[in-house]
Amino acid sequence: MQRVVAAGACLSPLIGGWLAQQFGYPVAFMALGSLSIASFAIWIGFGTRIRETCDTRRDELGKLTDMDSSTLLP
């Protein structure tokens, strides 16, 4: 997950700068804004499935019997 965030952090100024230089700032802002809206829609649509897939702590904490793990999970 961190690699995807790092790739987005690197590509956003690169693409935004190129678009601003070629087509102007309004086009760059609209393009980057539409990408963020699309990624937000994907996050809303698939967030639960991704969270269930990536959440390994819940299984590990479920194995502990001498400890109340309900305070450790969101």
N, C-alpha and C. Protein backbone atom coordinates (compact mmCIF):
# COMPACT_ATOMS: atom_id res chain seq x y z
N MET A 1 0.82 -1.18 0.00
CA MET A 1 0.00 0.00 0.00
C MET A 1 0.87 1.26 0.00
N GLN A 2 1.96 1.22 0.73
CA GLN A 2 2.82 2.39 0.79
C GLN A 2 3.48 2.67 -0.55
N ARG A 3 3.72 1.63 -1.32
CA ARG A 3 4.33 1.82 -2.63
C ARG A 3 3.37 2.53 -3.58
N VAL A 4 2.08 2.23 -3.46
CA VAL A 4 1.09 2.89 -4.30
C VAL A 4 1.00 4.37 -3.94
N VAL A 5 1.04 4.67 -2.64
CA VAL A 5 1.01 6.06 -2.19
C VAL A 5 2.26 6.79 -2.66
N ALA A 6 3.41 6.13 -2.57
CA ALA A 6 4.65 6.76 -3.02
C ALA A 6 4.64 6.99 -4.53
N ALA A 7 4.10 6.05 -5.28
CA ALA A 7 4.01 6.23 -6.73
C ALA A 7 3.10 7.40 -7.07
N GLY A 8 1.97 7.51 -6.37
CA GLY A 8 1.07 8.63 -6.60
C GLY A 8 1.71 9.96 -6.22
N ALA A 9 2.47 9.95 -5.14
CA ALA A 9 3.16 11.18 -4.72
C ALA A 9 4.22 11.61 -5.72
N CYS A 10 4.82 10.66 -6.40
CA CYS A 10 5.83 11.00 -7.41
C CYS A 10 5.20 11.39 -8.74
N LEU A 11 4.14 10.72 -9.12
CA LEU A 11 3.55 10.96 -10.43
C LEU A 11 2.66 12.20 -10.48
N SER A 12 2.05 12.57 -9.37
CA SER A 12 1.14 13.70 -9.37
C SER A 12 1.81 15.01 -9.79
N PRO A 13 2.93 15.39 -9.19
CA PRO A 13 3.57 16.64 -9.64
C PRO A 13 4.14 16.52 -11.06
N LEU A 14 4.58 15.32 -11.41
CA LEU A 14 5.12 15.11 -12.75
C LEU A 14 4.03 15.31 -13.81
N ILE A 15 2.92 14.64 -13.63
CA ILE A 15 1.82 14.76 -14.59
C ILE A 15 1.21 16.16 -14.54
N GLY A 16 1.03 16.68 -13.32
CA GLY A 16 0.48 18.03 -13.19
C GLY A 16 1.35 19.09 -13.83
N GLY A 17 2.64 18.98 -13.65
CA GLY A 17 3.55 19.94 -14.26
C GLY A 17 3.56 19.85 -15.78
N TRP A 18 3.54 18.63 -16.28
CA TRP A 18 3.52 18.45 -17.73
C TRP A 18 2.23 19.01 -18.33
N LEU A 19 1.09 18.69 -17.70
CA LEU A 19 -0.19 19.20 -18.18
C LEU A 19 -0.25 20.73 -18.11
N ALA A 20 0.26 21.29 -17.03
CA ALA A 20 0.24 22.75 -16.88
C ALA A 20 1.12 23.41 -17.94
N GLN A 21 2.23 22.81 -18.26
CA GLN A 21 3.12 23.39 -19.25
C GLN A 21 2.54 23.26 -20.66
N GLN A 22 1.91 22.15 -20.95
CA GLN A 22 1.37 21.92 -22.29
C GLN A 22 0.03 22.60 -22.53
N PHE A 23 -0.86 22.54 -21.52
CA PHE A 23 -2.24 22.97 -21.73
C PHE A 23 -2.72 24.07 -20.80
N GLY A 24 -1.95 24.39 -19.78
CA GLY A 24 -2.33 25.43 -18.84
C GLY A 24 -2.79 24.86 -17.50
N TYR A 25 -2.86 25.76 -16.52
CA TYR A 25 -3.20 25.34 -15.17
C TYR A 25 -4.64 24.82 -15.03
N PRO A 26 -5.63 25.42 -15.69
CA PRO A 26 -6.99 24.88 -15.51
C PRO A 26 -7.12 23.41 -15.94
N VAL A 27 -6.47 23.06 -17.03
CA VAL A 27 -6.52 21.66 -17.49
C VAL A 27 -5.80 20.75 -16.48
N ALA A 28 -4.68 21.19 -15.96
CA ALA A 28 -3.94 20.38 -14.99
C ALA A 28 -4.75 20.16 -13.73
N PHE A 29 -5.39 21.21 -13.22
CA PHE A 29 -6.21 21.05 -12.02
C PHE A 29 -7.42 20.16 -12.28
N MET A 30 -8.04 20.30 -13.43
CA MET A 30 -9.19 19.45 -13.74
C MET A 30 -8.77 17.98 -13.88
N ALA A 31 -7.65 17.73 -14.52
CA ALA A 31 -7.19 16.35 -14.71
C ALA A 31 -6.82 15.71 -13.38
N LEU A 32 -6.05 16.40 -12.55
CA LEU A 32 -5.66 15.83 -11.26
C LEU A 32 -6.86 15.72 -10.32
N GLY A 33 -7.77 16.66 -10.40
CA GLY A 33 -8.98 16.57 -9.59
C GLY A 33 -9.85 15.40 -9.99
N SER A 34 -9.97 15.15 -11.29
CA SER A 34 -10.78 14.02 -11.74
C SER A 34 -10.13 12.69 -11.35
N LEU A 35 -8.81 12.63 -11.34
CA LEU A 35 -8.14 11.41 -10.87
C LEU A 35 -8.41 11.18 -9.39
N SER A 36 -8.42 12.25 -8.61
CA SER A 36 -8.68 12.07 -7.18
C SER A 36 -10.12 11.66 -6.94
N ILE A 37 -11.06 12.18 -7.71
CA ILE A 37 -12.46 11.78 -7.57
C ILE A 37 -12.63 10.31 -7.95
N ALA A 38 -11.96 9.88 -9.01
CA ALA A 38 -12.04 8.48 -9.42
C ALA A 38 -11.44 7.56 -8.36
N SER A 39 -10.31 7.94 -7.79
CA SER A 39 -9.71 7.09 -6.75
C SER A 39 -10.57 7.06 -5.50
N PHE A 40 -11.23 8.17 -5.18
CA PHE A 40 -12.14 8.20 -4.03
C PHE A 40 -13.33 7.27 -4.27
N ALA A 41 -13.85 7.25 -5.48
CA ALA A 41 -14.97 6.36 -5.81
C ALA A 41 -14.55 4.90 -5.69
N ILE A 42 -13.35 4.58 -6.14
CA ILE A 42 -12.85 3.21 -6.01
C ILE A 42 -12.68 2.85 -4.54
N TRP A 43 -12.17 3.80 -3.76
CA TRP A 43 -11.98 3.57 -2.33
C TRP A 43 -13.31 3.31 -1.64
N ILE A 44 -14.34 4.08 -1.98
CA ILE A 44 -15.66 3.89 -1.40
C ILE A 44 -16.24 2.53 -1.83
N GLY A 45 -16.07 2.20 -3.10
CA GLY A 45 -16.65 0.96 -3.62
C GLY A 45 -15.98 -0.30 -3.11
N PHE A 46 -14.67 -0.28 -2.98
CA PHE A 46 -13.93 -1.49 -2.63
C PHE A 46 -13.21 -1.41 -1.29
N GLY A 47 -13.46 -0.38 -0.51
CA GLY A 47 -12.75 -0.18 0.75
C GLY A 47 -12.94 -1.31 1.74
N THR A 48 -14.16 -1.81 1.87
CA THR A 48 -14.42 -2.88 2.82
C THR A 48 -13.71 -4.16 2.42
N ARG A 49 -13.75 -4.48 1.15
CA ARG A 49 -13.10 -5.71 0.67
C ARG A 49 -11.58 -5.62 0.85
N ILE A 50 -11.01 -4.47 0.57
CA ILE A 50 -9.57 -4.30 0.72
C ILE A 50 -9.18 -4.36 2.19
N ARG A 51 -9.99 -3.74 3.05
CA ARG A 51 -9.69 -3.77 4.48
C ARG A 51 -9.73 -5.20 5.01
N GLU A 52 -10.71 -5.97 4.59
CA GLU A 52 -10.80 -7.37 5.04
C GLU A 52 -9.62 -8.19 4.53
N THR A 53 -9.18 -7.92 3.32
CA THR A 53 -8.06 -8.66 2.75
C THR A 53 -6.75 -8.31 3.43
N CYS A 54 -6.55 -7.04 3.73
CA CYS A 54 -5.27 -6.59 4.29
C CYS A 54 -5.20 -6.69 5.80
N ASP A 55 -6.31 -6.90 6.47
CA ASP A 55 -6.32 -6.90 7.93
C ASP A 55 -5.89 -8.26 8.46
N THR A 56 -4.62 -8.36 8.81
CA THR A 56 -4.11 -9.61 9.36
C THR A 56 -4.08 -9.58 10.89
N ARG A 57 -4.17 -8.42 11.47
CA ARG A 57 -4.11 -8.32 12.93
C ARG A 57 -5.32 -8.96 13.59
N ARG A 58 -6.48 -8.89 12.95
CA ARG A 58 -7.69 -9.42 13.56
C ARG A 58 -7.55 -10.93 13.81
N ASP A 59 -6.96 -11.66 12.89
CA ASP A 59 -6.76 -13.09 13.08
C ASP A 59 -5.76 -13.37 14.18
N GLU A 60 -4.68 -12.59 14.21
CA GLU A 60 -3.66 -12.80 15.23
C GLU A 60 -4.20 -12.48 16.61
N LEU A 61 -4.96 -11.41 16.74
CA LEU A 61 -5.49 -11.05 18.04
C LEU A 61 -6.62 -11.98 18.47
N GLY A 62 -7.30 -12.59 17.52
CA GLY A 62 -8.34 -13.54 17.87
C GLY A 62 -7.80 -14.79 18.52
N LYS A 63 -6.55 -15.11 18.28
CA LYS A 63 -5.93 -16.30 18.88
C LYS A 63 -5.55 -16.10 20.34
N LEU A 64 -5.46 -14.85 20.76
CA LEU A 64 -5.11 -14.58 22.15
C LEU A 64 -6.33 -14.78 23.04
N THR A 65 -6.21 -15.66 24.03
CA THR A 65 -7.34 -15.94 24.90
C THR A 65 -7.24 -15.26 26.25
N ASP A 66 -6.04 -14.91 26.67
CA ASP A 66 -5.88 -14.32 27.99
C ASP A 66 -5.96 -12.79 27.96
N MET A 67 -6.33 -12.23 26.86
CA MET A 67 -6.31 -10.78 26.71
C MET A 67 -7.58 -10.32 26.02
N ASP A 68 -8.12 -9.20 26.46
CA ASP A 68 -9.29 -8.63 25.81
C ASP A 68 -8.79 -7.78 24.64
N SER A 69 -8.98 -8.28 23.41
CA SER A 69 -8.46 -7.60 22.23
C SER A 69 -9.44 -6.62 21.65
N SER A 70 -10.61 -6.46 22.22
CA SER A 70 -11.60 -5.56 21.63
C SER A 70 -11.16 -4.11 21.71
N THR A 71 -10.30 -3.75 22.65
CA THR A 71 -9.84 -2.37 22.74
C THR A 71 -8.74 -2.04 21.74
N LEU A 72 -8.13 -3.08 21.15
CA LEU A 72 -7.04 -2.87 20.21
C LEU A 72 -7.52 -2.70 18.78
N LEU A 73 -8.75 -3.10 18.50
CA LEU A 73 -9.28 -3.04 17.14
C LEU A 73 -10.22 -1.86 16.99
N PRO A 74 -10.16 -1.20 15.83
CA PRO A 74 -11.04 -0.05 15.63
C PRO A 74 -12.49 -0.46 15.44
